[in-house]
N, C-alpha and C. Protein backbone atom coordinates (compact mmCIF):
# COMPACT_ATOMS: atom_id res chain seq x y z
N MET A 1 0.82 -1.19 0.00
CA MET A 1 0.00 0.00 0.00
C MET A 1 0.87 1.26 0.00
N GLU A 2 1.91 1.25 0.84
CA GLU A 2 2.79 2.41 0.92
C GLU A 2 3.56 2.60 -0.38
N LYS A 3 3.94 1.49 -1.04
CA LYS A 3 4.66 1.59 -2.30
C LYS A 3 3.80 2.24 -3.37
N GLU A 4 2.51 1.90 -3.39
CA GLU A 4 1.60 2.49 -4.38
C GLU A 4 1.48 4.00 -4.16
N LEU A 5 1.39 4.42 -2.91
CA LEU A 5 1.29 5.84 -2.61
C LEU A 5 2.57 6.58 -3.03
N GLN A 6 3.72 5.96 -2.77
CA GLN A 6 4.98 6.57 -3.16
C GLN A 6 5.10 6.66 -4.67
N ASN A 7 4.64 5.63 -5.39
CA ASN A 7 4.67 5.66 -6.86
C ASN A 7 3.77 6.77 -7.39
N ASN A 8 2.58 6.93 -6.80
CA ASN A 8 1.66 7.99 -7.23
C ASN A 8 2.28 9.37 -7.00
N ILE A 9 2.94 9.54 -5.86
CA ILE A 9 3.57 10.82 -5.56
C ILE A 9 4.68 11.10 -6.56
N LYS A 10 5.49 10.11 -6.88
CA LYS A 10 6.58 10.29 -7.84
C LYS A 10 6.04 10.64 -9.22
N GLU A 11 4.95 10.00 -9.64
CA GLU A 11 4.36 10.29 -10.95
C GLU A 11 3.86 11.73 -11.00
N LYS A 12 3.22 12.19 -9.93
CA LYS A 12 2.71 13.56 -9.90
C LYS A 12 3.86 14.55 -9.96
N GLN A 13 4.96 14.26 -9.28
CA GLN A 13 6.11 15.14 -9.30
C GLN A 13 6.71 15.19 -10.71
N GLU A 14 6.79 14.08 -11.38
CA GLU A 14 7.35 14.03 -12.73
C GLU A 14 6.48 14.82 -13.70
N ILE A 15 5.17 14.71 -13.54
CA ILE A 15 4.26 15.43 -14.43
C ILE A 15 4.41 16.93 -14.24
N SER A 16 4.52 17.38 -13.01
CA SER A 16 4.64 18.82 -12.77
C SER A 16 5.98 19.35 -13.25
N ILE A 17 7.02 18.55 -13.24
CA ILE A 17 8.33 18.99 -13.70
C ILE A 17 8.37 19.09 -15.23
N GLU A 18 7.63 18.24 -15.91
CA GLU A 18 7.66 18.19 -17.36
C GLU A 18 7.01 19.40 -18.03
N LYS A 19 6.16 20.13 -17.33
CA LYS A 19 5.49 21.28 -17.94
C LYS A 19 6.51 22.37 -18.24
N ASP A 20 6.50 22.84 -19.48
CA ASP A 20 7.38 23.93 -19.90
C ASP A 20 6.59 25.22 -19.89
N VAL A 21 7.16 26.23 -19.30
CA VAL A 21 6.51 27.53 -19.25
C VAL A 21 6.99 28.33 -20.45
N GLU A 22 6.03 28.77 -21.26
CA GLU A 22 6.36 29.56 -22.44
C GLU A 22 6.08 31.03 -22.15
N LYS A 23 7.09 31.87 -22.34
CA LYS A 23 6.92 33.30 -22.18
C LYS A 23 7.05 33.94 -23.55
N LYS A 24 6.06 34.72 -23.91
CA LYS A 24 6.08 35.39 -25.20
C LYS A 24 6.08 36.89 -24.98
N ALA A 25 6.91 37.58 -25.73
CA ALA A 25 6.93 39.03 -25.68
C ALA A 25 5.80 39.55 -26.56
N GLU A 26 5.02 40.45 -26.03
CA GLU A 26 3.87 40.99 -26.75
C GLU A 26 3.97 42.51 -26.74
N LEU A 27 3.79 43.12 -27.90
CA LEU A 27 3.84 44.57 -28.01
C LEU A 27 2.52 45.15 -27.50
N VAL A 28 2.59 45.86 -26.40
CA VAL A 28 1.41 46.46 -25.80
C VAL A 28 1.21 47.87 -26.34
N GLY A 29 2.28 48.58 -26.55
CA GLY A 29 2.23 49.93 -27.06
C GLY A 29 3.63 50.50 -27.12
N ARG A 30 3.73 51.73 -27.61
CA ARG A 30 5.04 52.39 -27.71
C ARG A 30 4.94 53.76 -27.10
N ILE A 31 6.02 54.15 -26.44
CA ILE A 31 6.13 55.50 -25.90
C ILE A 31 7.45 56.08 -26.38
N PHE A 32 7.37 57.22 -27.04
CA PHE A 32 8.55 57.95 -27.48
C PHE A 32 8.61 59.25 -26.67
N PRO A 33 9.39 59.27 -25.59
CA PRO A 33 9.41 60.46 -24.74
C PRO A 33 10.07 61.66 -25.42
N HIS A 34 9.60 62.85 -25.06
CA HIS A 34 10.23 64.09 -25.52
C HIS A 34 11.59 64.24 -24.82
N ASN A 35 12.39 65.19 -25.30
CA ASN A 35 13.70 65.44 -24.67
C ASN A 35 13.51 65.83 -23.21
N ASN A 36 14.37 65.31 -22.35
CA ASN A 36 14.39 65.57 -20.91
C ASN A 36 13.18 65.00 -20.16
N HIS A 37 12.32 64.23 -20.81
CA HIS A 37 11.19 63.61 -20.12
C HIS A 37 11.61 62.26 -19.56
N GLN A 38 10.89 61.82 -18.55
CA GLN A 38 11.07 60.51 -17.96
C GLN A 38 9.78 59.73 -18.10
N VAL A 39 9.87 58.41 -18.02
CA VAL A 39 8.67 57.58 -18.10
C VAL A 39 8.28 57.20 -16.67
N PHE A 40 7.04 57.52 -16.31
CA PHE A 40 6.53 57.24 -14.98
C PHE A 40 5.54 56.09 -15.01
N GLU A 41 5.53 55.32 -13.94
CA GLU A 41 4.60 54.21 -13.77
C GLU A 41 3.54 54.66 -12.77
N ILE A 42 2.27 54.63 -13.20
CA ILE A 42 1.17 55.07 -12.34
C ILE A 42 0.27 53.87 -12.06
N ASN A 43 0.09 53.57 -10.79
CA ASN A 43 -0.80 52.48 -10.39
C ASN A 43 -2.23 52.97 -10.57
N ASN A 44 -3.04 52.22 -11.32
CA ASN A 44 -4.40 52.64 -11.64
C ASN A 44 -5.32 52.66 -10.42
N LYS A 45 -5.05 51.83 -9.43
CA LYS A 45 -5.93 51.75 -8.25
C LYS A 45 -5.57 52.78 -7.19
N THR A 46 -4.29 52.91 -6.87
CA THR A 46 -3.87 53.79 -5.78
C THR A 46 -3.36 55.14 -6.27
N LEU A 47 -3.13 55.30 -7.57
CA LEU A 47 -2.56 56.50 -8.19
C LEU A 47 -1.19 56.85 -7.64
N SER A 48 -0.44 55.85 -7.17
CA SER A 48 0.94 56.10 -6.74
C SER A 48 1.82 56.19 -7.99
N ILE A 49 2.79 57.11 -7.95
CA ILE A 49 3.63 57.38 -9.11
C ILE A 49 5.08 57.06 -8.78
N GLU A 50 5.72 56.29 -9.67
CA GLU A 50 7.13 55.96 -9.53
C GLU A 50 7.78 56.02 -10.91
N LEU A 51 9.10 56.09 -10.93
CA LEU A 51 9.81 56.01 -12.21
C LEU A 51 9.70 54.58 -12.74
N ALA A 52 9.51 54.45 -14.03
CA ALA A 52 9.41 53.13 -14.65
C ALA A 52 10.79 52.47 -14.68
N LYS A 53 10.80 51.15 -14.57
CA LYS A 53 12.05 50.39 -14.62
C LYS A 53 12.22 49.82 -16.02
N PHE A 54 13.45 49.86 -16.51
CA PHE A 54 13.73 49.42 -17.87
C PHE A 54 14.56 48.15 -17.87
N GLU A 55 14.41 47.41 -18.96
CA GLU A 55 15.19 46.20 -19.21
C GLU A 55 15.95 46.46 -20.51
N TYR A 56 17.26 46.27 -20.51
CA TYR A 56 18.08 46.58 -21.68
C TYR A 56 18.31 45.31 -22.50
N ASP A 57 18.19 45.44 -23.81
CA ASP A 57 18.44 44.32 -24.71
C ASP A 57 19.90 44.33 -25.15
N ASN A 58 20.39 43.17 -25.56
CA ASN A 58 21.79 43.03 -25.95
C ASN A 58 22.07 43.49 -27.37
N TYR A 59 21.08 43.58 -28.20
CA TYR A 59 21.33 43.94 -29.60
C TYR A 59 21.18 45.45 -29.80
N VAL A 60 21.86 45.95 -30.82
CA VAL A 60 21.86 47.37 -31.13
C VAL A 60 21.48 47.54 -32.60
N PHE A 61 20.51 48.41 -32.87
CA PHE A 61 20.15 48.73 -34.24
C PHE A 61 21.02 49.90 -34.72
N ASN A 62 20.62 50.51 -35.83
CA ASN A 62 21.41 51.58 -36.43
C ASN A 62 21.60 52.77 -35.48
N LYS A 63 22.60 53.54 -35.74
CA LYS A 63 22.96 54.75 -35.00
C LYS A 63 23.41 54.47 -33.57
N GLY A 64 23.67 53.22 -33.22
CA GLY A 64 24.20 52.91 -31.90
C GLY A 64 23.24 53.14 -30.75
N VAL A 65 21.93 53.14 -31.01
CA VAL A 65 20.94 53.34 -29.96
C VAL A 65 20.65 52.01 -29.27
N ILE A 66 20.83 51.96 -27.97
CA ILE A 66 20.56 50.73 -27.21
C ILE A 66 19.06 50.60 -26.99
N ASN A 67 18.54 49.40 -27.21
CA ASN A 67 17.10 49.17 -27.08
C ASN A 67 16.73 48.92 -25.63
N LYS A 68 15.66 49.58 -25.18
CA LYS A 68 15.18 49.43 -23.83
C LYS A 68 13.72 48.99 -23.87
N LYS A 69 13.34 48.19 -22.89
CA LYS A 69 11.95 47.79 -22.73
C LYS A 69 11.52 48.15 -21.32
N ILE A 70 10.30 48.60 -21.18
CA ILE A 70 9.76 48.90 -19.86
C ILE A 70 9.30 47.59 -19.23
N VAL A 71 9.64 47.41 -17.96
CA VAL A 71 9.15 46.25 -17.23
C VAL A 71 7.72 46.56 -16.83
N ILE A 72 6.76 45.85 -17.43
CA ILE A 72 5.35 46.15 -17.25
C ILE A 72 4.78 45.39 -16.07
N HIS A 73 4.07 46.11 -15.20
CA HIS A 73 3.39 45.51 -14.06
C HIS A 73 1.89 45.56 -14.30
N LYS A 74 1.20 44.63 -13.69
CA LYS A 74 -0.26 44.55 -13.83
C LYS A 74 -0.89 45.75 -13.13
N ASP A 75 -1.98 46.25 -13.65
CA ASP A 75 -2.74 47.38 -13.10
C ASP A 75 -1.93 48.68 -13.06
N CYS A 76 -1.01 48.86 -14.00
CA CYS A 76 -0.23 50.10 -14.05
C CYS A 76 -0.28 50.69 -15.46
N SER A 77 -0.21 52.01 -15.52
CA SER A 77 -0.14 52.72 -16.79
C SER A 77 1.18 53.47 -16.83
N TYR A 78 1.65 53.78 -18.04
CA TYR A 78 2.95 54.40 -18.21
C TYR A 78 2.79 55.70 -18.99
N VAL A 79 3.40 56.78 -18.45
CA VAL A 79 3.25 58.11 -19.02
C VAL A 79 4.62 58.77 -19.09
N SER A 80 4.88 59.44 -20.21
CA SER A 80 6.11 60.21 -20.37
C SER A 80 5.82 61.65 -19.97
N ALA A 81 6.60 62.18 -19.01
CA ALA A 81 6.38 63.55 -18.55
C ALA A 81 7.67 64.11 -17.95
N LEU A 82 7.66 65.42 -17.71
CA LEU A 82 8.82 66.08 -17.14
C LEU A 82 8.95 65.81 -15.64
N ASN A 83 7.81 65.74 -14.94
CA ASN A 83 7.83 65.45 -13.50
C ASN A 83 6.55 64.71 -13.10
N LYS A 84 6.45 64.35 -11.82
CA LYS A 84 5.31 63.55 -11.34
C LYS A 84 3.99 64.30 -11.47
N LYS A 85 4.01 65.59 -11.19
CA LYS A 85 2.80 66.40 -11.26
C LYS A 85 2.22 66.40 -12.68
N ASN A 86 3.07 66.60 -13.66
CA ASN A 86 2.62 66.61 -15.05
C ASN A 86 2.21 65.21 -15.51
N ALA A 87 2.88 64.19 -14.99
CA ALA A 87 2.53 62.82 -15.35
C ALA A 87 1.11 62.50 -14.90
N LEU A 88 0.75 62.96 -13.70
CA LEU A 88 -0.60 62.73 -13.19
C LEU A 88 -1.64 63.48 -14.03
N LYS A 89 -1.31 64.71 -14.45
CA LYS A 89 -2.22 65.47 -15.31
C LYS A 89 -2.47 64.75 -16.63
N LYS A 90 -1.40 64.27 -17.25
CA LYS A 90 -1.53 63.57 -18.54
C LYS A 90 -2.30 62.27 -18.37
N PHE A 91 -2.07 61.58 -17.26
CA PHE A 91 -2.78 60.32 -17.00
C PHE A 91 -4.28 60.57 -16.87
N LYS A 92 -4.66 61.63 -16.17
CA LYS A 92 -6.09 61.93 -15.98
C LYS A 92 -6.76 62.33 -17.29
N LYS A 93 -5.99 62.93 -18.23
CA LYS A 93 -6.52 63.28 -19.54
C LYS A 93 -6.58 62.08 -20.49
N GLY A 94 -5.89 61.00 -20.13
CA GLY A 94 -5.87 59.81 -20.99
C GLY A 94 -4.77 59.86 -22.03
N ASN A 95 -3.75 60.66 -21.78
CA ASN A 95 -2.65 60.85 -22.71
C ASN A 95 -1.41 60.18 -22.15
N ASN A 96 -0.58 59.55 -22.99
CA ASN A 96 0.63 58.91 -22.48
C ASN A 96 1.87 59.80 -22.65
N GLY A 97 1.72 61.00 -23.19
CA GLY A 97 2.82 61.96 -23.28
C GLY A 97 3.83 61.66 -24.34
N SER A 98 3.56 60.76 -25.25
CA SER A 98 4.50 60.35 -26.27
C SER A 98 4.50 61.33 -27.44
N LYS A 99 5.65 61.37 -28.15
CA LYS A 99 5.71 62.15 -29.39
C LYS A 99 4.79 61.49 -30.42
N ILE A 100 4.25 62.29 -31.29
CA ILE A 100 3.37 61.73 -32.32
C ILE A 100 4.16 61.42 -33.55
């Protein structure tokens, strides 16, 4: 009886280990900040404002510009602005502050 239980436990462990987690990068949107602007992360529920965190890619396209990606968190919006006060204004208007 104990051997059967141990075999069942081992099988369940093997099944859970075999699952491969697939992560896909998905383009949610683009923000092109103006000169001297920063990208702010605004929590939609609490309206707390912080600087957005970036992830740097290893490849470089033309003109030597290093590619950056914003680390996206759930329930957050991202706005390009000069300071926190202006970021909140743009967020309330529904604007992300990007160049057109």
